[in-house]
Amino acid sequence: MHLTMQRLFAVVLVAIACRSTRHTAPPISVVEHYATTQDSVRLYYRVAGEGPETVIAPFALYHESALDSLAVGRRIVTYDPRGRGRSDSVPANKVSLTHLLLDLETVRRAVGADSVALIGWSGGGMEMFVYALRNLGRVTRLVHLAPVAPRFVPYGGEMMRDRDQRTDTVARAALRRRIAAGEFRNDPAAECRASAVVNQPAMFANPARMPATPDVCRFPNEHLTPLGAYFGALFQSIDGYDWRDSLSAVTIPRLVIHGARDNIPLAGNEEWVTRQGNARIVVMDSSGHWPHYEQPAATIGAIETFLRGQWPANARSIGAR
């Protein structure tokens, strides 16, 4: 009897193992490289998956493997722009919107893709639109993932005020005192992490259930002093931007994914699709500025549907021509 039970147990284990093997997706290949721009800046990029379609998304430092489930039958290429993450640090005179578009073009050429789909998160949602605008025919589809609005005024100010209102003012004042006292003078990575603890919760729908996001503070480019100089130079090049008059020139399908609790007002992101027959918007409940971390299944599912050539079921158009 005891031997019979052992055999039965073994058969059950084998059956479970076989069933698990049949339903386990094959591992996704990942390779990492560097490419060099025309102005001699080394850019880090990461390629997940294989296939005839190539999707490119800036900010590998934030995405890491979050987009890898899209890499079935296609390549998902993430990269760090100049001055960010693993890529070369650069002086302020080498940071601008034009330079960032050169970075994307460098990566596109490095991976040998004649045409690409793009995923632009946050400010990248605006930057990827400008790339598509200036490279008509190179881009097949565009996902604006929690993007900034297509114009800075008034939505840039509204975004910052919303983040400020959601930030713990007591914790922020305490951090400023620690910085002024020189606590982080010899440890900029610790200063970066302390700042994230104070400032990052305001970007999530529910700070109490904030998902783990990559620790970007391990990269010197992301420490407060160089990052401040980077954004100072970048903002100079895009100050007062307004792309509304150019929306109709980009006729490829565009999908906006907006977190219902994002700091960026819904009205601002609706402008990306208003009266644009080729563009629709999806609003992710229980999500702030990081929908691919806060609502990963719904967000990645919507992107996958869109990349396959269909609109997600909950995508809506607004006053399309």
Protein backbone atom coordinates (compact mmCIF):
# COMPACT_ATOMS: atom_id res chain seq x y z
CA MET A 1 0.00 0.00 0.00
CA HIS A 2 2.77 2.36 0.95
CA LEU A 3 4.62 1.65 -2.33
CA THR A 4 1.42 2.17 -4.33
CA MET A 5 0.90 5.58 -2.72
CA GLN A 6 4.49 6.54 -3.50
CA ARG A 7 4.01 5.63 -7.15
CA LEU A 8 0.73 7.53 -7.32
CA PHE A 9 2.36 10.58 -5.77
CA ALA A 10 5.21 10.37 -8.28
CA VAL A 11 2.78 10.16 -11.20
CA VAL A 12 0.94 13.24 -9.92
CA LEU A 13 4.21 15.18 -9.62
CA VAL A 14 5.23 14.22 -13.15
CA ALA A 15 1.83 15.24 -14.50
CA ILE A 16 2.05 18.62 -12.77
CA ALA A 17 5.57 19.15 -14.04
CA CYS A 18 4.58 18.29 -17.60
CA ARG A 19 1.54 20.55 -17.47
CA SER A 20 3.66 23.37 -16.07
CA THR A 21 6.25 22.87 -18.80
CA ARG A 22 3.62 22.98 -21.53
CA HIS A 23 2.20 26.29 -20.31
CA THR A 24 5.43 28.05 -19.39
CA ALA A 25 6.41 30.66 -21.96
CA PRO A 26 9.89 30.26 -23.40
CA PRO A 27 12.47 32.59 -21.87
CA ILE A 28 12.91 35.95 -23.58
CA SER A 29 16.42 36.65 -24.81
CA VAL A 30 17.97 39.87 -23.52
CA VAL A 31 21.15 41.50 -24.80
CA GLU A 32 22.75 44.78 -23.78
CA HIS A 33 24.87 47.08 -25.94
CA TYR A 34 26.22 50.60 -26.34
CA ALA A 35 25.86 52.82 -29.39
CA THR A 36 27.74 56.05 -30.09
CA THR A 37 26.04 59.20 -31.36
CA GLN A 38 27.36 61.55 -34.03
CA ASP A 39 28.60 63.84 -31.24
CA SER A 40 30.50 60.99 -29.53
CA VAL A 41 28.10 60.15 -26.67
CA ARG A 42 27.85 56.48 -25.66
CA LEU A 43 24.25 55.34 -25.15
CA TYR A 44 23.22 52.22 -23.28
CA TYR A 45 20.48 50.12 -24.86
CA ARG A 46 18.81 46.80 -24.10
CA VAL A 47 17.09 44.46 -26.57
CA ALA A 48 14.50 41.96 -25.31
CA GLY A 49 13.04 39.35 -27.64
CA GLU A 50 13.31 38.72 -31.35
CA GLY A 51 11.08 39.27 -34.35
CA PRO A 52 10.39 41.40 -37.40
CA GLU A 53 8.77 44.25 -35.44
CA THR A 54 10.85 46.65 -33.35
CA VAL A 55 9.45 48.76 -30.52
CA ILE A 56 11.69 51.41 -28.96
CA ALA A 57 11.15 53.10 -25.58
CA PRO A 58 13.49 55.60 -23.90
CA PHE A 59 14.39 55.36 -20.19
CA ALA A 60 15.70 51.83 -19.74
CA LEU A 61 16.62 52.88 -16.20
CA TYR A 62 12.92 53.18 -15.31
CA HIS A 63 11.51 50.33 -17.40
CA GLU A 64 14.08 47.59 -16.75
CA SER A 65 12.06 44.41 -17.52
CA ALA A 66 8.58 45.96 -17.11
CA LEU A 67 7.93 45.86 -20.87
CA ASP A 68 9.51 42.46 -21.53
CA SER A 69 6.20 40.60 -21.76
CA LEU A 70 5.59 42.54 -24.98
CA ALA A 71 8.71 40.93 -26.49
CA VAL A 72 7.00 37.88 -27.97
CA GLY A 73 7.46 37.85 -31.72
CA ARG A 74 8.99 41.33 -31.64
CA ARG A 75 11.97 43.23 -30.23
CA ILE A 76 11.50 45.61 -27.31
CA VAL A 77 14.41 48.06 -27.27
CA THR A 78 14.84 50.30 -24.26
CA TYR A 79 17.66 52.80 -23.90
CA ASP A 80 18.98 55.57 -21.67
CA PRO A 81 19.22 59.00 -23.29
CA ARG A 82 22.43 60.98 -22.88
CA GLY A 83 23.02 62.10 -19.32
CA ARG A 84 20.67 59.47 -17.89
CA GLY A 85 21.07 56.02 -16.38
CA ARG A 86 23.94 53.98 -17.81
CA SER A 87 24.63 56.33 -20.73
CA ASP A 88 27.43 58.90 -20.79
CA SER A 89 27.08 62.01 -18.70
CA VAL A 90 27.23 65.16 -20.82
CA PRO A 91 27.68 68.92 -20.29
CA ALA A 92 24.62 71.15 -20.36
CA ASN A 93 25.33 72.34 -23.90
CA LYS A 94 24.75 68.77 -25.11
CA VAL A 95 21.26 68.45 -23.60
CA SER A 96 18.22 69.59 -25.56
CA LEU A 97 15.17 68.14 -27.27
CA THR A 98 17.13 67.99 -30.53
CA HIS A 99 19.92 66.04 -28.82
CA LEU A 100 17.41 63.57 -27.36
CA LEU A 101 15.92 62.95 -30.80
CA LEU A 102 19.46 62.30 -32.08
CA ASP A 103 19.80 59.67 -29.32
CA LEU A 104 16.67 57.86 -30.49
CA GLU A 105 17.86 57.97 -34.10
CA THR A 106 21.23 56.55 -33.01
CA VAL A 107 19.56 53.61 -31.28
CA ARG A 108 17.22 52.99 -34.23
CA ARG A 109 20.18 52.77 -36.56
CA ALA A 110 22.13 50.60 -34.11
CA VAL A 111 19.39 47.95 -34.02
CA GLY A 112 18.98 48.07 -37.80
CA ALA A 113 15.28 48.97 -37.87
CA ASP A 114 13.97 50.90 -40.86
CA SER A 115 10.70 51.62 -39.08
CA VAL A 116 9.68 51.32 -35.44
CA ALA A 117 6.79 51.60 -33.02
CA LEU A 118 7.48 53.89 -30.07
CA ILE A 119 6.50 53.91 -26.39
CA GLY A 120 7.12 57.23 -24.67
CA TRP A 121 6.61 57.46 -20.92
CA SER A 122 6.18 60.80 -19.11
CA GLY A 123 8.17 63.51 -20.92
CA GLY A 124 9.13 60.82 -23.42
CA GLY A 125 5.51 60.75 -24.57
CA MET A 126 5.96 64.26 -25.91
CA GLU A 127 9.49 63.68 -27.20
CA MET A 128 8.49 60.54 -29.14
CA PHE A 129 5.67 62.51 -30.78
CA VAL A 130 8.18 65.11 -31.98
CA TYR A 131 10.40 62.35 -33.36
CA ALA A 132 7.42 60.96 -35.29
CA LEU A 133 6.58 64.46 -36.52
CA ARG A 134 10.12 65.02 -37.80
CA ASN A 135 10.55 61.51 -39.18
CA LEU A 136 7.32 60.81 -41.03
CA GLY A 137 7.44 57.29 -42.42
CA ARG A 138 9.85 55.97 -39.78
CA VAL A 139 7.23 55.41 -37.05
CA THR A 140 4.38 52.90 -37.36
CA ARG A 141 2.59 53.38 -34.03
CA LEU A 142 3.02 55.52 -30.94
CA VAL A 143 2.06 54.85 -27.33
CA HIS A 144 1.96 57.93 -25.09
CA LEU A 145 2.36 56.25 -21.68
CA ALA A 146 1.38 58.67 -18.88
CA PRO A 147 2.68 61.53 -21.04
CA VAL A 148 2.98 65.19 -20.31
CA ALA A 149 0.31 67.20 -22.13
CA PRO A 150 0.93 68.47 -25.68
CA ARG A 151 1.36 72.03 -24.37
CA PHE A 152 3.18 73.29 -21.32
CA VAL A 153 0.78 76.09 -20.36
CA PRO A 154 -1.30 75.60 -18.27
CA TYR A 155 -0.73 71.90 -17.65
CA GLY A 156 2.94 71.96 -16.64
CA GLY A 157 2.16 74.27 -13.74
CA GLU A 158 -0.93 72.27 -12.76
CA MET A 159 1.12 69.06 -12.70
CA MET A 160 3.73 70.56 -10.36
CA ARG A 161 1.11 72.07 -8.06
CA ASP A 162 -0.64 68.72 -7.77
CA ARG A 163 2.60 66.97 -6.85
CA ASP A 164 3.38 69.67 -4.33
CA GLN A 165 -0.05 69.30 -2.67
CA ARG A 166 0.38 65.54 -2.36
CA THR A 167 3.89 65.73 -0.88
CA ASP A 168 4.41 65.41 2.89
CA THR A 169 5.53 68.93 3.78
CA VAL A 170 6.97 67.89 7.16
CA ALA A 171 9.12 65.19 5.56
CA ARG A 172 10.21 67.58 2.83
CA ALA A 173 11.29 70.23 5.34
CA ALA A 174 13.21 67.61 7.33
CA LEU A 175 15.03 66.45 4.19
CA ARG A 176 16.00 70.02 3.35
CA ARG A 177 17.49 70.45 6.81
CA ARG A 178 19.50 67.25 6.42
CA ILE A 179 20.84 68.42 3.06
CA ALA A 180 21.69 71.89 4.43
CA ALA A 181 23.52 70.28 7.34
CA GLY A 182 25.78 68.43 4.90
CA GLU A 183 24.58 64.95 5.80
CA PHE A 184 24.81 63.77 2.18
CA ARG A 185 27.87 65.74 1.15
CA ASN A 186 29.90 62.59 0.52
CA ASP A 187 27.03 60.27 -0.36
CA PRO A 188 24.96 61.60 -3.30
CA ALA A 189 23.34 58.19 -3.81
CA ALA A 190 21.91 58.32 -0.27
CA GLU A 191 20.68 61.86 -0.93
CA CYS A 192 18.99 60.63 -4.11
CA ARG A 193 17.24 57.81 -2.23
CA ALA A 194 16.17 60.07 0.61
CA SER A 195 14.69 62.48 -1.91
CA ALA A 196 12.81 59.65 -3.62
CA VAL A 197 11.28 58.57 -0.30
CA VAL A 198 9.86 62.08 0.14
CA ASN A 199 8.90 62.99 -3.41
CA GLN A 200 7.98 59.79 -5.21
CA PRO A 201 4.75 58.91 -3.29
CA ALA A 202 3.03 61.96 -4.83
CA MET A 203 3.28 60.28 -8.25
CA PHE A 204 1.26 57.21 -7.28
CA ALA A 205 -2.48 56.69 -6.93
CA ASN A 206 -2.11 55.02 -3.54
CA PRO A 207 1.21 55.76 -1.80
CA ALA A 208 0.41 53.17 0.88
CA ARG A 209 0.49 50.48 -1.81
CA MET A 210 3.28 51.98 -3.87
CA PRO A 211 4.83 49.29 -6.10
CA ALA A 212 8.56 48.74 -6.20
CA THR A 213 10.18 50.69 -9.01
CA PRO A 214 13.85 50.49 -10.06
CA ASP A 215 16.46 52.05 -7.78
CA VAL A 216 17.81 54.60 -10.25
CA CYS A 217 19.99 56.18 -7.56
CA ARG A 218 22.65 53.56 -8.25
CA PHE A 219 23.49 55.56 -11.37
CA PRO A 220 25.55 58.74 -10.79
CA ASN A 221 23.61 60.49 -13.58
CA GLU A 222 20.49 60.31 -11.40
CA HIS A 223 21.99 62.05 -8.37
CA LEU A 224 20.39 65.38 -7.56
CA THR A 225 23.13 67.74 -8.75
CA PRO A 226 23.72 66.30 -12.26
CA LEU A 227 20.01 65.59 -12.72
CA GLY A 228 19.16 69.18 -11.83
CA ALA A 229 21.62 70.48 -14.43
CA TYR A 230 20.23 68.03 -17.01
CA PHE A 231 16.63 69.16 -16.56
CA GLY A 232 17.65 72.80 -16.43
CA ALA A 233 19.20 72.50 -19.89
CA LEU A 234 16.37 70.38 -21.28
CA PHE A 235 13.64 72.74 -20.06
CA GLN A 236 15.43 75.66 -21.71
CA SER A 237 15.03 73.90 -25.06
CA ILE A 238 11.31 73.12 -24.64
CA ASP A 239 10.09 76.10 -22.63
CA GLY A 240 6.55 77.02 -23.64
CA TYR A 241 6.15 74.12 -26.07
CA ASP A 242 2.76 73.62 -27.76
CA TRP A 243 2.31 70.82 -30.29
CA ARG A 244 -1.45 71.07 -30.80
CA ASP A 245 -1.18 72.55 -34.30
CA SER A 246 1.08 69.66 -35.34
CA LEU A 247 -1.10 66.78 -34.13
CA SER A 248 -2.88 66.23 -37.45
CA ALA A 249 0.45 65.99 -39.30
CA VAL A 250 1.22 62.69 -37.52
CA THR A 251 -1.31 60.29 -39.03
CA ILE A 252 -0.05 57.02 -37.54
CA PRO A 253 -2.22 55.37 -34.85
CA ARG A 254 -1.54 56.86 -31.40
CA LEU A 255 -2.71 55.53 -28.03
CA VAL A 256 -2.63 57.63 -24.86
CA ILE A 257 -2.62 55.75 -21.55
CA HIS A 258 -3.53 58.06 -18.68
CA GLY A 259 -3.57 57.21 -14.98
CA ALA A 260 -6.78 58.45 -13.36
CA ARG A 261 -4.70 59.77 -10.43
CA ASP A 262 -1.81 61.13 -12.47
CA ASN A 263 -0.50 64.57 -11.52
CA ILE A 264 -0.99 65.56 -15.15
CA PRO A 265 -4.63 66.63 -15.61
CA LEU A 266 -6.84 64.38 -17.70
CA ALA A 267 -7.93 67.45 -19.69
CA GLY A 268 -4.31 67.95 -20.74
CA ASN A 269 -3.81 64.41 -22.00
CA GLU A 270 -7.18 64.42 -23.73
CA GLU A 271 -5.74 67.13 -25.98
CA TRP A 272 -3.43 64.52 -27.54
CA VAL A 273 -6.49 62.82 -29.08
CA THR A 274 -9.14 65.53 -29.41
CA ARG A 275 -10.44 65.68 -33.00
CA GLN A 276 -7.73 63.22 -34.06
CA GLY A 277 -9.31 60.27 -35.84
CA ASN A 278 -6.11 58.22 -35.53
CA ALA A 279 -5.78 58.63 -31.74
CA ARG A 280 -7.60 57.31 -28.67
CA ILE A 281 -7.17 57.46 -24.91
CA VAL A 282 -7.43 54.82 -22.18
CA VAL A 283 -7.81 55.89 -18.54
CA MET A 284 -6.34 53.47 -16.00
CA ASP A 285 -8.17 53.46 -12.67
CA SER A 286 -6.12 53.14 -9.46
CA SER A 287 -3.06 54.44 -11.26
CA GLY A 288 -0.96 57.59 -11.12
CA HIS A 289 2.11 58.42 -13.19
CA TRP A 290 3.41 54.82 -13.32
CA PRO A 291 0.56 52.76 -14.86
CA HIS A 292 2.89 50.00 -16.08
CA TYR A 293 3.87 49.40 -12.43
CA GLU A 294 0.58 50.24 -10.69
CA GLN A 295 -1.72 48.41 -13.15
CA PRO A 296 0.74 46.24 -15.10
CA ALA A 297 -1.68 43.65 -16.50
CA ALA A 298 -4.18 46.21 -17.78
CA THR A 299 -1.50 48.57 -19.09
CA ILE A 300 0.62 45.97 -20.86
CA GLY A 301 -2.55 44.32 -22.17
CA ALA A 302 -3.70 47.60 -23.71
CA ILE A 303 -0.29 48.18 -25.31
CA GLU A 304 -0.18 44.62 -26.67
CA THR A 305 -3.63 44.99 -28.22
CA PHE A 306 -2.61 48.29 -29.79
CA LEU A 307 0.67 46.92 -31.18
CA ARG A 308 -1.30 44.08 -32.79
CA GLY A 309 -3.26 46.67 -34.76
CA GLN A 310 -6.43 46.94 -32.66
CA TRP A 311 -7.79 49.47 -30.19
CA PRO A 312 -8.17 48.36 -26.57
CA ALA A 313 -11.84 47.82 -25.72
CA ASN A 314 -11.91 50.77 -23.32
CA ALA A 315 -10.07 53.19 -25.62
CA ARG A 316 -12.14 56.22 -26.61
CA SER A 317 -11.85 58.94 -29.18
CA ILE A 318 -12.77 62.55 -28.46
CA GLY A 319 -14.56 64.59 -31.10
CA ALA A 320 -12.76 62.82 -33.96
CA ARG A 321 -13.00 64.42 -37.36
